[in-house]
Amino acid sequence: MTHVSAISEVERTGYELVKCRKTKGKLATMRDYARVDFKPWKGNEDGKLIPSDETLLNCGVSARMANAVMLQSKEELVGMFDDLPIEVIDEMMVGLVQSAEVLKATIIMLETAYLRIRQPAHTRLRHEPRLGPMGEASLLACQPAT
């Protein structure tokens, strides 16, 4: 029985943080990923997970505010901001920028973890013939959105 990775079912947004370049040469294989050396990150001194629940909550608030802004016309936004003190507008903009930075760092962490997990996946695929010849190919075909 051939293993088909659930990763292939993840719906992709199509957005790119960095414009993708055309690949040059051959694509990396699982064996290539297995050769990559990395050191573990140093954990947070207080043992809390990063990003914290509070940080993610703030990002959620900013994301919902950003969504509300995106649904407004230019005229509606100008009218809405006419009534707000400049300090409130500044605070809103700071929240958007801070959240964007947290989310960018989180994306880097998620994609790095994905690549690190490919190494033990390769080892397991080599030692589990039940996955069949498509086991490796199904994981290779499922690249994270970058």
Foldseek 3Di string as FASTA:
>chain_A
DADADCLVVDDDPLDDPDDDDDDDDDDDFLVNLLPDDDDDDDDDPVNADPPHPVLVVLLVVLVVVVVVVVVDDPVVVVVVCVPDDPVVVVVSVVSNVSSVVSVVVVVVVVLVVLSNVSNVQVVVCVVDCVNPPCRRVNSVVNHDRD
